[in-house]
Amino acid sequence: MSKRDYYEVLGVAKTASDDEIKKAYRKLAMKYHPDRNQGDKAKQAEEQFKEVKEAYEMLSDSQKRAAYDQYGHAGVDPNRGMGGGEGFGGGGFAEAFGDIFGDMFSGGRAGGPRGGRQVYRGNDLSYSLEISLEEAAKGKDAQIRIPSWDNCDTCHGSGAKPGTSPKTCTTCGGNGSVQMRQGFFSVQQTCPHCRGTGKIIPEPCTTCSGQGKIKRQKTLEVKIPAGIDDGMRIRSTGNGEPGMNGGPPGDLYIEIRIREHDIFERDGDDLHCQVPVSFITAALGGEIEVPTLQGKAAIDIPEGTQAGKQFRLRGKGIKGVRSSYPGDLYCHIVVETPVKLTEYQRKLLRELEESLKKGGAKHSPSGEGWTDKLKRFFS
């Protein structure tokens, strides 16, 4: 009997991509699975699967596919074991599915040959470091103490009681993983007895309880870059938890928290502060000193300055870690009302008030507008 066209067998076009060919093969292989074709259908399903497998092996190989596209069945050697006689045994059905689905059951290993001990990267750790606003602006070198794992001095890292040694796990044969078969699927899992180490410790070390490591504190030098902001993180590579079975350690993430400042509030690279002035200075004007992170600065208060007036000092903010220029300092004027006045002071203020009233609205820049608003509201 003449062979059917390989593209027709898989139900794909001659221009089909490798992924399309693979998906078509997977679908047909599932269709002709022996669990789905019992009794009288089993023999026919086996023949159809062999036909599908042969077509896939030819078309999934770029060189064979090119020869087939040019010369048809005559362009490929029919005696290479692609078709007849293989059946479901001898690496036929199971091997084909292992090639396609093997990556689905790799068990999350970090590397190594199939069936070897599973290697895991250590977990990342987080550390919260509180610094002042001045330290955030200028940067600093800080020391922190973090938990660290070192080899046990008693068992020298073996986890076994002195005088004894770990034994190869009989469940997984030292591989660290076992295979669970479900039909034609072979699912690889971490060995439940040795937990992926491939070793069993009959007599654990009493110092480390068989872990081979003990927890200690270590001091770590951390460089805080100038301009760092609240909530930013610094990564310290390799200072997280140790890996398993020789896997790499995790990382340590240092999260920066900036303490509340007595004077300044930070907004990105800018700083804000409230500057109280007497109502006399606000009325008559004058020069006042204001603080900055770089030292003192002077501000000229114009005559008649109102509460809430904002003064901007360029470049007196913070230069952020990703900024080319420093931010600005914004000084917000708060006009203070005098308290605990003497009778004489009260008398002077009343006389001043009467004098201001005689001058009309020119002494009250907001008063006239406010009065007009009230009239419109109640009318």
Protein backbone atom coordinates (compact mmCIF):
# COMPACT_ATOMS: atom_id res chain seq x y z
CA MET A 1 0.00 0.00 0.00
CA SER A 2 1.35 3.41 -0.95
CA LYS A 3 2.08 5.83 1.84
CA ARG A 4 -0.07 8.86 2.40
CA ASP A 5 1.38 12.33 2.12
CA TYR A 6 3.00 13.30 5.44
CA TYR A 7 1.33 16.71 5.49
CA GLU A 8 -2.02 15.04 4.88
CA VAL A 9 -1.37 12.60 7.73
CA LEU A 10 -0.80 15.44 10.18
CA GLY A 11 -3.53 17.61 8.65
CA VAL A 12 -1.28 20.62 8.07
CA ALA A 13 -0.35 22.69 5.05
CA LYS A 14 3.03 22.38 3.34
CA THR A 15 3.85 25.88 4.60
CA ALA A 16 3.16 24.92 8.24
CA SER A 17 5.67 26.09 10.83
CA ASP A 18 7.54 23.77 13.19
CA ASP A 19 5.20 24.73 16.04
CA GLU A 20 2.12 23.99 13.95
CA ILE A 21 3.52 20.57 13.02
CA LYS A 22 4.32 19.83 16.65
CA LYS A 23 0.84 20.85 17.84
CA ALA A 24 -0.81 18.73 15.14
CA TYR A 25 1.28 15.71 16.13
CA ARG A 26 0.49 16.17 19.82
CA LYS A 27 -3.23 16.33 19.11
CA LEU A 28 -3.23 13.19 16.95
CA ALA A 29 -1.01 11.26 19.36
CA MET A 30 -3.51 11.96 22.14
CA LYS A 31 -6.34 10.88 19.84
CA TYR A 32 -4.75 7.49 19.16
CA HIS A 33 -3.72 6.90 22.78
CA PRO A 34 -4.35 3.21 23.74
CA ASP A 35 -6.39 4.21 26.80
CA ARG A 36 -8.84 5.89 24.44
CA ASN A 37 -8.91 3.07 21.92
CA GLN A 38 -9.73 -0.24 23.58
CA GLY A 39 -10.97 -3.49 22.10
CA ASP A 40 -11.43 -3.61 18.35
CA LYS A 41 -10.06 -0.09 17.89
CA ALA A 42 -6.69 -0.82 19.52
CA LYS A 43 -5.03 -2.39 16.45
CA GLN A 44 -6.23 0.35 14.10
CA ALA A 45 -5.12 3.06 16.60
CA GLU A 46 -1.66 1.52 16.77
CA GLU A 47 -1.27 1.61 12.98
CA GLN A 48 -2.53 5.19 12.81
CA PHE A 49 -0.14 6.26 15.53
CA LYS A 50 2.83 4.72 13.71
CA GLU A 51 1.79 6.61 10.60
CA VAL A 52 1.50 9.89 12.54
CA LYS A 53 4.83 9.31 14.27
CA GLU A 54 6.64 8.64 11.00
CA ALA A 55 5.19 11.79 9.45
CA TYR A 56 6.21 13.89 12.46
CA GLU A 57 9.76 12.50 12.56
CA MET A 58 10.24 13.36 8.91
CA LEU A 59 8.69 16.84 8.96
CA SER A 60 10.22 17.91 12.30
CA ASP A 61 13.72 17.38 10.89
CA SER A 62 14.61 20.31 8.61
CA GLN A 63 16.92 18.27 6.34
CA LYS A 64 14.49 15.37 5.97
CA ARG A 65 11.64 17.77 5.36
CA ALA A 66 13.57 19.55 2.63
CA ALA A 67 14.34 16.24 0.92
CA TYR A 68 10.73 15.13 1.24
CA ASP A 69 9.42 18.43 -0.17
CA GLN A 70 11.68 18.03 -3.21
CA TYR A 71 11.48 14.29 -3.95
CA GLY A 72 8.53 13.02 -1.93
CA HIS A 73 8.79 9.61 -0.24
CA ALA A 74 11.66 8.71 -2.57
CA GLY A 75 13.73 11.49 -1.06
CA VAL A 76 13.84 9.86 2.38
CA ASP A 77 15.10 6.45 3.34
CA PRO A 78 12.19 4.28 4.40
CA ASN A 79 14.51 1.82 6.16
CA ARG A 80 15.65 4.17 8.94
CA GLY A 81 13.23 2.70 11.46
CA MET A 82 10.77 5.53 11.12
CA GLY A 83 7.85 3.35 10.24
CA GLY A 84 6.95 -0.37 10.40
CA GLY A 85 7.68 -2.72 13.28
CA GLU A 86 8.17 -0.25 16.15
CA GLY A 87 4.69 -0.36 17.64
CA PHE A 88 4.13 1.19 21.06
CA GLY A 89 7.11 -0.51 22.66
CA GLY A 90 10.82 -0.12 22.05
CA GLY A 91 10.78 3.63 22.55
CA GLY A 92 7.95 4.27 20.06
CA PHE A 93 4.93 5.76 21.79
CA ALA A 94 6.51 6.56 25.17
CA GLU A 95 9.69 8.00 23.65
CA ALA A 96 7.73 10.22 21.29
CA PHE A 97 5.69 11.66 24.13
CA GLY A 98 8.79 12.04 26.29
CA ASP A 99 10.36 14.29 23.65
CA ILE A 100 7.29 16.50 23.39
CA PHE A 101 6.12 16.68 27.00
CA GLY A 102 9.40 16.12 28.84
CA ASP A 103 9.85 19.83 29.52
CA MET A 104 6.51 19.90 31.34
CA PHE A 105 7.79 17.58 34.06
CA SER A 106 11.34 18.80 34.61
CA GLY A 107 10.62 19.48 38.29
CA GLY A 108 12.07 22.99 38.41
CA ARG A 109 15.70 21.90 38.55
CA ALA A 110 18.31 24.55 38.12
CA GLY A 111 20.32 22.32 35.81
CA GLY A 112 22.07 18.99 35.50
CA PRO A 113 21.13 15.78 33.67
CA ARG A 114 17.63 14.39 33.67
CA GLY A 115 17.04 12.36 36.82
CA GLY A 116 19.83 14.08 38.79
CA ARG A 117 19.48 15.74 42.16
CA GLN A 118 17.24 18.77 42.12
CA VAL A 119 19.07 22.05 42.73
CA TYR A 120 17.17 25.01 44.15
CA ARG A 121 18.06 28.68 44.47
CA GLY A 122 17.80 30.10 47.97
CA ASN A 123 14.98 32.45 49.00
CA ASP A 124 15.44 36.21 48.93
CA LEU A 125 15.49 38.11 52.22
CA SER A 126 14.20 41.58 53.06
CA TYR A 127 15.65 44.06 55.55
CA SER A 128 14.21 47.45 56.52
CA LEU A 129 16.80 50.16 57.19
CA GLU A 130 15.77 53.49 58.72
CA ILE A 131 17.90 56.55 57.97
CA SER A 132 17.60 60.31 58.43
CA LEU A 133 16.75 62.79 55.68
CA GLU A 134 20.28 64.20 55.86
CA GLU A 135 21.75 60.71 55.39
CA ALA A 136 19.45 60.10 52.45
CA ALA A 137 20.56 63.36 50.83
CA LYS A 138 24.30 62.87 51.33
CA GLY A 139 24.54 59.07 51.27
CA LYS A 140 26.38 56.97 53.82
CA ASP A 141 28.09 53.67 54.53
CA ALA A 142 25.96 51.64 56.92
CA GLN A 143 26.48 48.40 58.79
CA ILE A 144 23.60 45.98 59.27
CA ARG A 145 23.37 42.61 61.01
CA ILE A 146 21.56 39.87 59.12
CA PRO A 147 21.01 36.13 59.69
CA SER A 148 23.57 33.91 58.00
CA TRP A 149 24.03 30.16 57.61
CA ASP A 150 27.47 28.62 58.19
CA ASN A 151 28.64 25.02 58.10
CA CYS A 152 28.16 23.24 61.40
CA ASP A 153 31.45 23.00 63.29
CA THR A 154 30.45 19.65 64.79
CA CYS A 155 29.59 17.68 61.64
CA HIS A 156 31.50 19.94 59.19
CA GLY A 157 28.42 20.36 57.02
CA SER A 158 27.51 16.68 56.56
CA GLY A 159 24.50 16.81 58.89
CA ALA A 160 25.47 13.42 60.35
CA LYS A 161 26.52 12.68 63.91
CA PRO A 162 30.33 12.52 64.27
CA GLY A 163 31.51 8.99 63.51
CA THR A 164 28.60 8.35 61.13
CA SER A 165 27.88 9.39 57.54
CA PRO A 166 24.83 10.02 55.34
CA LYS A 167 23.48 7.08 53.36
CA THR A 168 22.21 7.01 49.80
CA CYS A 169 18.42 7.26 49.74
CA THR A 170 17.00 3.87 48.76
CA THR A 171 13.75 5.39 47.51
CA CYS A 172 15.29 7.52 44.74
CA GLY A 173 18.68 5.81 44.48
CA GLY A 174 20.44 9.09 45.28
CA ASN A 175 18.81 11.03 42.42
CA GLY A 176 16.72 13.22 44.72
CA SER A 177 13.62 12.64 42.60
CA VAL A 178 11.18 9.87 41.85
CA GLN A 179 8.96 9.24 38.85
CA MET A 180 5.23 8.70 39.11
CA ARG A 181 3.63 7.00 36.11
CA GLN A 182 0.09 7.87 35.10
CA GLY A 183 -0.81 6.01 31.93
CA PHE A 184 1.85 6.94 29.37
CA PHE A 185 2.84 10.08 31.32
CA SER A 186 5.92 10.00 33.53
CA VAL A 187 5.79 12.75 36.17
CA GLN A 188 8.97 13.52 38.09
CA GLN A 189 8.66 14.68 41.70
CA THR A 190 10.98 15.49 44.58
CA CYS A 191 11.72 12.41 46.63
CA PRO A 192 9.50 12.56 49.76
CA HIS A 193 12.04 10.71 51.92
CA CYS A 194 15.24 12.64 51.28
CA ARG A 195 13.50 15.84 50.11
CA GLY A 196 15.64 16.08 47.02
CA THR A 197 19.05 15.67 48.68
CA GLY A 198 19.58 12.07 47.58
CA LYS A 199 20.88 11.27 51.07
CA ILE A 200 19.34 9.93 54.27
CA ILE A 201 20.93 10.73 57.64
CA PRO A 202 20.29 7.81 60.04
CA GLU A 203 21.89 9.62 63.02
CA PRO A 204 21.53 13.41 62.69
CA CYS A 205 24.04 15.77 64.26
CA THR A 206 22.62 17.07 67.53
CA THR A 207 24.15 20.52 67.05
CA CYS A 208 22.47 21.35 63.74
CA SER A 209 19.65 18.74 63.85
CA GLY A 210 20.91 17.20 60.63
CA GLN A 211 20.84 20.38 58.55
CA GLY A 212 24.61 20.65 58.24
CA LYS A 213 24.35 24.39 58.85
CA ILE A 214 23.77 26.62 61.83
CA LYS A 215 22.26 30.08 61.92
CA ARG A 216 24.44 32.98 62.95
CA GLN A 217 24.44 36.75 62.68
CA LYS A 218 26.83 38.50 60.33
CA THR A 219 27.66 42.16 59.79
CA LEU A 220 27.21 43.47 56.28
CA GLU A 221 28.54 46.74 54.85
CA VAL A 222 25.91 48.60 52.82
CA LYS A 223 26.58 51.68 50.71
CA ILE A 224 23.58 54.04 50.72
CA PRO A 225 23.73 56.17 47.56
CA ALA A 226 23.19 59.93 47.84
CA GLY A 227 19.65 61.01 46.96
CA ILE A 228 17.93 57.72 47.79
CA ASP A 229 14.23 58.09 48.56
CA ASP A 230 11.82 56.42 50.94
CA GLY A 231 10.72 52.97 49.74
CA MET A 232 13.66 52.40 47.40
CA ARG A 233 15.49 49.08 47.66
CA ILE A 234 19.16 48.14 47.47
CA ARG A 235 20.01 44.60 46.35
CA SER A 236 22.89 42.77 47.98
CA THR A 237 23.60 39.81 45.70
CA GLY A 238 24.12 36.43 47.31
CA ASN A 239 23.26 37.47 50.88
CA GLY A 240 19.86 35.78 50.98
CA GLU A 241 19.13 32.26 52.18
CA PRO A 242 21.49 29.50 50.99
CA GLY A 243 20.48 27.30 48.06
CA MET A 244 19.59 23.64 48.31
CA ASN A 245 21.79 20.82 47.00
CA GLY A 246 24.48 23.25 45.87
CA GLY A 247 22.07 25.78 44.38
CA PRO A 248 22.97 29.49 44.40
CA PRO A 249 21.95 31.65 47.37
CA GLY A 250 19.17 34.19 47.16
CA ASP A 251 19.61 37.95 47.41
CA LEU A 252 19.08 40.43 50.23
CA TYR A 253 16.86 43.44 49.51
CA ILE A 254 17.41 46.40 51.82
CA GLU A 255 14.34 48.65 51.88
CA ILE A 256 15.02 52.26 52.85
CA ARG A 257 12.75 54.05 55.33
CA ILE A 258 13.38 57.76 55.96
CA ARG A 259 12.52 59.10 59.40
CA GLU A 260 10.12 62.03 59.67
CA HIS A 261 12.07 65.30 59.79
CA ASP A 262 11.40 68.09 62.29
CA ILE A 263 11.56 70.82 59.63
CA PHE A 264 11.45 69.47 56.08
CA GLU A 265 9.03 67.40 54.09
CA ARG A 266 10.33 65.69 50.97
CA ASP A 267 8.46 65.58 47.67
CA GLY A 268 10.63 63.79 45.15
CA ASP A 269 13.77 65.93 44.85
CA ASP A 270 12.08 69.02 46.33
CA LEU A 271 11.86 70.01 49.98
CA HIS A 272 9.11 71.99 51.73
CA CYS A 273 9.13 73.77 55.08
CA GLN A 274 6.84 76.06 57.07
CA VAL A 275 8.46 79.37 58.06
CA PRO A 276 6.71 81.36 60.82
CA VAL A 277 7.05 85.18 60.72
CA SER A 278 5.50 87.82 62.97
CA PHE A 279 2.64 89.86 61.59
CA ILE A 280 4.81 92.94 62.06
CA THR A 281 7.50 91.51 59.76
CA ALA A 282 4.84 90.39 57.30
CA ALA A 283 3.36 93.90 57.31
CA LEU A 284 6.58 95.94 57.25
CA GLY A 285 8.85 93.48 55.44
CA GLY A 286 12.36 92.46 56.40
CA GLU A 287 14.99 89.76 56.05
CA ILE A 288 14.66 86.39 57.76
CA GLU A 289 16.93 83.32 58.00
CA VAL A 290 15.69 79.91 56.90
CA PRO A 291 17.39 76.51 57.27
CA THR A 292 18.53 74.34 54.36
CA LEU A 293 20.30 70.98 54.27
CA GLN A 294 23.42 72.87 53.21
CA GLY A 295 23.22 75.49 56.01
CA LYS A 296 21.42 78.81 56.54
CA ALA A 297 19.93 81.00 53.81
CA ALA A 298 18.30 84.45 53.84
CA ILE A 299 14.92 85.45 52.43
CA ASP A 300 13.74 89.02 51.84
CA ILE A 301 10.14 89.35 53.01
CA PRO A 302 8.38 92.09 51.01
CA GLU A 303 6.13 94.58 52.77
CA GLY A 304 2.56 93.28 53.04
CA THR A 305 3.40 89.57 52.67
CA GLN A 306 0.32 87.42 53.21
CA ALA A 307 0.04 84.08 54.99
CA GLY A 308 0.68 81.16 52.64
CA LYS A 309 3.12 83.08 50.44
CA GLN A 310 5.66 80.69 48.95
CA PHE A 311 9.35 81.43 48.38
CA ARG A 312 11.47 79.17 46.17
CA LEU A 313 15.18 78.58 46.76
CA ARG A 314 16.57 76.96 43.64
CA GLY A 315 18.96 74.04 44.05
CA LYS A 316 18.44 73.79 47.80
CA GLY A 317 16.56 70.50 47.61
CA ILE A 318 17.98 66.99 47.08
CA LYS A 319 19.75 65.56 44.07
CA GLY A 320 18.03 62.22 43.51
CA VAL A 321 19.86 59.04 42.55
CA ARG A 322 18.59 59.35 38.96
CA SER A 323 18.63 63.16 38.72
CA SER A 324 21.11 65.42 36.98
CA TYR A 325 20.31 68.48 39.12
CA PRO A 326 19.15 68.98 42.71
CA GLY A 327 15.58 69.94 43.45
CA ASP A 328 14.38 73.16 45.11
CA LEU A 329 13.40 74.25 48.60
CA TYR A 330 9.94 75.81 49.01
CA CYS A 331 9.43 78.00 52.09
CA HIS A 332 5.77 78.54 53.01
CA ILE A 333 5.13 81.65 55.10
CA VAL A 334 3.01 81.25 58.22
CA VAL A 335 2.03 84.61 59.77
CA GLU A 336 1.89 84.29 63.53
CA THR A 337 -0.80 85.95 65.59
CA PRO A 338 0.58 87.32 68.91
CA VAL A 339 -0.79 85.72 72.08
CA LYS A 340 -0.91 86.60 75.79
CA LEU A 341 -1.01 90.35 75.21
CA THR A 342 -0.82 92.95 77.95
CA GLU A 343 -3.49 95.63 78.32
CA TYR A 344 -1.14 98.18 76.86
CA GLN A 345 -0.50 95.97 73.82
CA ARG A 346 -4.21 95.41 73.38
CA LYS A 347 -4.77 99.17 73.45
CA LEU A 348 -2.12 99.70 70.79
CA LEU A 349 -3.67 97.04 68.55
CA ARG A 350 -7.14 98.57 68.87
CA GLU A 351 -5.76 101.97 67.96
CA LEU A 352 -4.00 100.38 64.98
CA GLU A 353 -7.21 98.70 63.91
CA GLU A 354 -9.14 101.95 64.04
CA SER A 355 -6.44 103.64 62.00
CA LEU A 356 -6.55 100.87 59.40
CA LYS A 357 -10.32 101.08 59.10
CA LYS A 358 -10.11 104.79 58.37
CA GLY A 359 -7.77 103.98 55.51
CA GLY A 360 -10.42 101.83 53.81
CA ALA A 361 -9.86 98.76 51.68
CA LYS A 362 -6.35 99.72 50.65
CA HIS A 363 -4.99 98.14 53.86
CA SER A 364 -6.92 94.88 53.36
CA PRO A 365 -6.20 93.35 49.92
CA SER A 366 -8.58 90.44 50.48
CA GLY A 367 -11.18 92.16 52.65
CA GLU A 368 -13.04 94.02 49.90
CA GLY A 369 -13.27 90.97 47.70
CA TRP A 370 -14.50 88.87 50.60
CA THR A 371 -17.20 91.42 51.44
CA ASP A 372 -18.42 91.42 47.84
CA LYS A 373 -18.59 87.61 47.86
CA LEU A 374 -20.68 87.62 51.05
CA LYS A 375 -23.13 90.14 49.59
CA ARG A 376 -23.63 88.00 46.46
CA PHE A 377 -24.03 84.87 48.59
CA PHE A 378 -26.80 86.30 50.79
CA SER A 379 -28.57 88.23 48.06
